[in-house]
């Protein structure tokens, strides 16, 4: 598939219910940092905010996807930590944070001196969250709402945090990612998901990430950062 990229979003202009998506995010989350990456502020859900208690039915009534963007997931945290500790790996590069969630890895790349940072999410509300998070940290990240799989590459580095959690997702993205490895480096940060490919990966860093049983089935996840190998 080729063609135009999905358009960047305007965080304040997208409606949700009777208000804007940006208002919804600010009303249902708190601006805070995760202990593993204290340099970055994110609009995040906590146990005491309404979005945490919202049921799937409540979200469905308002045509809102489950708010995965409102939590800092292990893959994104490990990637952001590695980028901030090793800024030379991204400085001057054009970066895509794919399936970016709240955009923590993208923001880390912008802080580390990447020349261009884009963050793609199929959930429009997540793209708004990315834009708000970038604004909160005073960095430039272009949030893209839409599926970029199949688009031709224009990046030097593609970051994929925790994307192998379902077989359909892996089969959808892996051929595209492999097609980009001739021109770009592709990182996959995986916390032990079931559908990670068993070959064609070169591990280069490992992090133990604290999580919660509200999000995971354990209190820590070992996240491995891999390079996707051409022809893998």
Protein backbone atom coordinates (compact mmCIF):
# COMPACT_ATOMS: atom_id res chain seq x y z
CA UNK A 1 0.00 0.00 0.00
CA UNK A 2 1.25 3.46 -0.85
CA UNK A 3 -0.19 6.90 -0.66
CA UNK A 4 -0.54 9.87 1.59
CA UNK A 5 0.16 9.76 5.27
CA UNK A 6 -2.72 10.31 7.69
CA UNK A 7 -2.94 13.94 8.68
CA UNK A 8 -1.46 15.42 11.87
CA UNK A 9 -4.14 16.33 14.39
CA UNK A 10 -5.13 19.54 16.12
CA UNK A 11 -5.42 18.65 19.80
CA UNK A 12 -7.94 21.35 20.64
CA UNK A 13 -10.19 20.92 17.60
CA UNK A 14 -11.29 17.27 17.82
CA UNK A 15 -14.73 16.99 19.48
CA UNK A 16 -15.74 14.32 21.96
CA UNK A 17 -19.25 14.43 23.34
CA UNK A 18 -20.08 18.05 24.13
CA UNK A 19 -16.47 19.18 24.52
CA UNK A 20 -13.09 18.76 22.95
CA UNK A 21 -10.91 15.69 23.17
CA UNK A 22 -8.23 17.79 24.83
CA UNK A 23 -10.69 18.86 27.54
CA UNK A 24 -11.70 15.23 28.08
CA UNK A 25 -8.08 14.21 28.59
CA UNK A 26 -7.30 17.07 30.96
CA UNK A 27 -10.49 16.42 32.95
CA UNK A 28 -9.88 12.67 33.37
CA UNK A 29 -6.12 12.45 33.91
CA UNK A 30 -3.38 14.07 35.96
CA UNK A 31 -0.15 15.54 34.62
CA UNK A 32 2.57 13.49 36.27
CA UNK A 33 5.73 11.49 35.58
CA UNK A 34 6.55 7.81 35.93
CA UNK A 35 9.41 7.07 38.39
CA UNK A 36 11.39 5.28 35.69
CA UNK A 37 11.34 8.34 33.41
CA UNK A 38 11.02 11.35 35.72
CA UNK A 39 12.19 13.71 32.96
CA UNK A 40 8.89 13.38 31.08
CA UNK A 41 5.45 14.61 32.13
CA UNK A 42 2.39 12.77 30.83
CA UNK A 43 -1.35 13.18 31.17
CA UNK A 44 -1.89 9.84 32.93
CA UNK A 45 -4.78 8.03 34.57
CA UNK A 46 -4.45 7.05 38.19
CA UNK A 47 -6.56 4.86 40.45
CA UNK A 48 -8.44 7.93 41.65
CA UNK A 49 -9.31 9.49 38.31
CA UNK A 50 -12.64 8.75 36.60
CA UNK A 51 -11.09 7.32 33.44
CA UNK A 52 -9.61 4.47 35.49
CA UNK A 53 -13.06 3.51 36.77
CA UNK A 54 -14.81 3.90 33.42
CA UNK A 55 -16.24 0.63 32.16
CA UNK A 56 -16.01 -0.55 28.59
CA UNK A 57 -19.75 0.09 28.25
CA UNK A 58 -19.28 3.71 29.40
CA UNK A 59 -16.54 4.20 26.85
CA UNK A 60 -18.53 2.52 24.10
CA UNK A 61 -21.55 4.75 24.70
CA UNK A 62 -19.35 7.75 23.96
CA UNK A 63 -17.58 6.07 21.01
CA UNK A 64 -14.25 6.14 22.85
CA UNK A 65 -11.66 3.39 22.53
CA UNK A 66 -10.29 1.94 25.80
CA UNK A 67 -7.80 4.53 27.10
CA UNK A 68 -4.56 2.63 26.60
CA UNK A 69 -2.89 5.99 25.92
CA UNK A 70 -3.52 7.05 29.51
CA UNK A 71 -0.99 4.62 30.97
CA UNK A 72 2.78 4.34 30.64
CA UNK A 73 3.32 0.78 29.37
CA UNK A 74 6.55 -1.17 29.94
CA UNK A 75 7.74 -1.10 26.32
CA UNK A 76 7.42 2.66 26.01
CA UNK A 77 9.03 3.27 29.37
CA UNK A 78 12.05 1.10 28.56
CA UNK A 79 12.46 2.73 25.15
CA UNK A 80 12.24 6.24 26.58
CA UNK A 81 14.77 5.41 29.30
CA UNK A 82 17.20 3.98 26.76
CA UNK A 83 16.88 6.99 24.47
CA UNK A 84 17.39 9.53 27.24
CA UNK A 85 20.43 7.63 28.55
CA UNK A 86 21.87 7.25 25.04
CA UNK A 87 20.89 10.39 23.12
CA UNK A 88 23.55 9.79 20.46
CA UNK A 89 21.39 6.94 19.15
CA UNK A 90 18.68 9.34 17.97
CA UNK A 91 20.30 12.77 17.70
CA UNK A 92 19.80 14.23 14.24
CA UNK A 93 17.57 11.35 13.09
CA UNK A 94 14.05 11.28 11.71
CA UNK A 95 12.03 9.11 14.09
CA UNK A 96 8.63 7.44 14.03
CA UNK A 97 7.11 6.25 17.31
CA UNK A 98 4.69 3.62 15.99
CA UNK A 99 1.59 2.66 18.02
CA UNK A 100 2.85 5.36 20.32
CA UNK A 101 0.29 5.29 23.12
CA UNK A 102 0.80 8.53 25.02
CA UNK A 103 4.00 9.25 23.11
CA UNK A 104 6.58 8.83 25.85
CA UNK A 105 9.21 7.37 23.49
CA UNK A 106 8.58 10.09 20.92
CA UNK A 107 8.99 12.80 23.55
CA UNK A 108 12.25 11.21 24.70
CA UNK A 109 13.54 11.31 21.13
CA UNK A 110 12.65 14.98 20.79
CA UNK A 111 14.46 15.70 24.05
CA UNK A 112 17.48 13.73 22.80
CA UNK A 113 17.85 15.89 19.70
CA UNK A 114 16.08 13.98 16.91
CA UNK A 115 15.64 16.21 13.86
CA UNK A 116 12.04 15.04 13.23
CA UNK A 117 9.71 13.11 15.49
CA UNK A 118 6.36 11.70 14.45
CA UNK A 119 4.09 9.57 16.64
CA UNK A 120 1.37 7.48 15.03
CA UNK A 121 -1.75 6.07 16.68
CA UNK A 122 -4.94 4.67 15.15
CA UNK A 123 -6.97 6.05 18.08
CA UNK A 124 -7.66 9.77 17.49
CA UNK A 125 -7.94 10.38 21.24
CA UNK A 126 -4.47 8.89 21.73
CA UNK A 127 -3.11 11.24 19.08
CA UNK A 128 -4.59 14.17 20.98
CA UNK A 129 -2.95 12.87 24.17
CA UNK A 130 0.39 12.70 22.37
CA UNK A 131 0.05 16.32 21.27
CA UNK A 132 -0.84 17.45 24.79
CA UNK A 133 2.02 15.46 26.31
CA UNK A 134 4.52 16.94 23.86
CA UNK A 135 3.22 20.40 24.68
CA UNK A 136 3.57 19.74 28.41
CA UNK A 137 7.24 18.88 27.87
CA UNK A 138 7.98 21.77 25.53
CA UNK A 139 9.04 19.60 22.58
CA UNK A 140 7.93 19.27 18.98
CA UNK A 141 6.26 15.97 18.12
CA UNK A 142 3.86 15.57 15.21
CA UNK A 143 0.96 13.37 16.33
CA UNK A 144 -0.61 11.39 13.49
CA UNK A 145 -4.06 9.83 13.86
CA UNK A 146 -4.38 6.87 11.52
CA UNK A 147 -2.85 3.61 10.36
CA UNK A 148 0.54 4.23 8.73
CA UNK A 149 1.16 0.53 8.05
CA UNK A 150 1.92 0.11 4.37
CA UNK A 151 3.17 3.64 3.87
CA UNK A 152 6.61 4.21 2.42
CA UNK A 153 9.25 5.09 4.96
CA UNK A 154 10.63 8.54 5.57
CA UNK A 155 12.39 7.77 8.84
CA UNK A 156 15.83 6.74 10.02
CA UNK A 157 14.52 5.04 13.16
CA UNK A 158 11.18 3.40 13.92
CA UNK A 159 10.26 2.64 17.53
CA UNK A 160 7.70 -0.04 18.36
CA UNK A 161 6.90 -0.43 22.03
CA UNK A 162 4.90 -3.50 23.07
CA UNK A 163 3.22 -4.22 19.73
CA UNK A 164 3.21 -8.04 19.68
CA UNK A 165 0.36 -8.65 22.10
CA UNK A 166 -2.04 -10.19 19.54
CA UNK A 167 -1.47 -12.42 16.53
CA UNK A 168 -3.49 -10.20 14.13
CA UNK A 169 -1.50 -7.15 15.19
CA UNK A 170 1.84 -8.87 14.66
CA UNK A 171 0.85 -10.26 11.27
CA UNK A 172 -0.44 -6.84 10.21
CA UNK A 173 2.69 -4.86 11.08
CA UNK A 174 5.64 -7.23 10.73
CA UNK A 175 5.84 -7.44 6.89
CA UNK A 176 5.71 -3.65 6.70
CA UNK A 177 8.36 -3.20 9.35
CA UNK A 178 10.61 -5.70 7.59
CA UNK A 179 10.16 -3.81 4.32
CA UNK A 180 11.56 -0.68 5.99
CA UNK A 181 14.72 -2.24 7.43
CA UNK A 182 16.79 -1.56 4.31
CA UNK A 183 16.53 2.18 4.92
CA UNK A 184 15.73 2.47 8.63
CA UNK A 185 16.59 0.92 11.96
CA UNK A 186 13.57 -0.69 13.64
CA UNK A 187 13.42 -1.22 17.39
CA UNK A 188 10.87 -3.44 19.12
CA UNK A 189 10.57 -3.13 22.91
CA UNK A 190 8.90 -6.29 24.14
CA UNK A 191 7.91 -7.18 27.73
CA UNK A 192 7.37 -10.87 27.03
CA UNK A 193 4.26 -10.83 24.86
CA UNK A 194 3.16 -14.08 23.28
CA UNK A 195 3.38 -13.09 19.62
CA UNK A 196 6.88 -11.68 19.41
CA UNK A 197 8.66 -13.21 16.39
CA UNK A 198 11.03 -16.02 17.33
CA UNK A 199 13.70 -15.11 14.75
CA UNK A 200 15.14 -12.06 13.07
CA UNK A 201 15.64 -10.04 16.23
CA UNK A 202 18.89 -8.76 17.72
CA UNK A 203 18.60 -7.91 21.46
CA UNK A 204 20.62 -4.90 22.55
CA UNK A 205 19.24 -3.73 25.91
CA UNK A 206 17.19 -5.05 28.81
CA UNK A 207 15.23 -3.21 31.51
CA UNK A 208 13.18 -4.33 34.49
CA UNK A 209 10.09 -2.16 34.61
CA UNK A 210 7.80 -1.81 37.61
CA UNK A 211 4.13 -2.07 36.73
CA UNK A 212 0.86 -2.70 38.56
CA UNK A 213 -1.55 -5.60 38.67
CA UNK A 214 -4.26 -3.27 37.34
CA UNK A 215 -2.36 -3.29 34.03
CA UNK A 216 -0.38 -6.53 34.08
CA UNK A 217 -0.46 -9.97 35.68
CA UNK A 218 2.68 -9.20 37.70
CA UNK A 219 4.37 -6.29 39.44
CA UNK A 220 7.46 -6.19 37.19
CA UNK A 221 8.15 -6.84 33.54
CA UNK A 222 11.50 -7.59 31.93
CA UNK A 223 11.57 -5.57 28.72
CA UNK A 224 14.04 -6.44 25.98
CA UNK A 225 14.87 -3.96 23.24
CA UNK A 226 15.50 -5.63 19.89
CA UNK A 227 16.65 -4.50 16.47
CA UNK A 228 14.60 -6.02 13.70
CA UNK A 229 17.00 -7.61 11.22
CA UNK A 230 16.59 -7.21 7.48
CA UNK A 231 15.25 -10.41 6.00
CA UNK A 232 14.20 -11.61 9.44
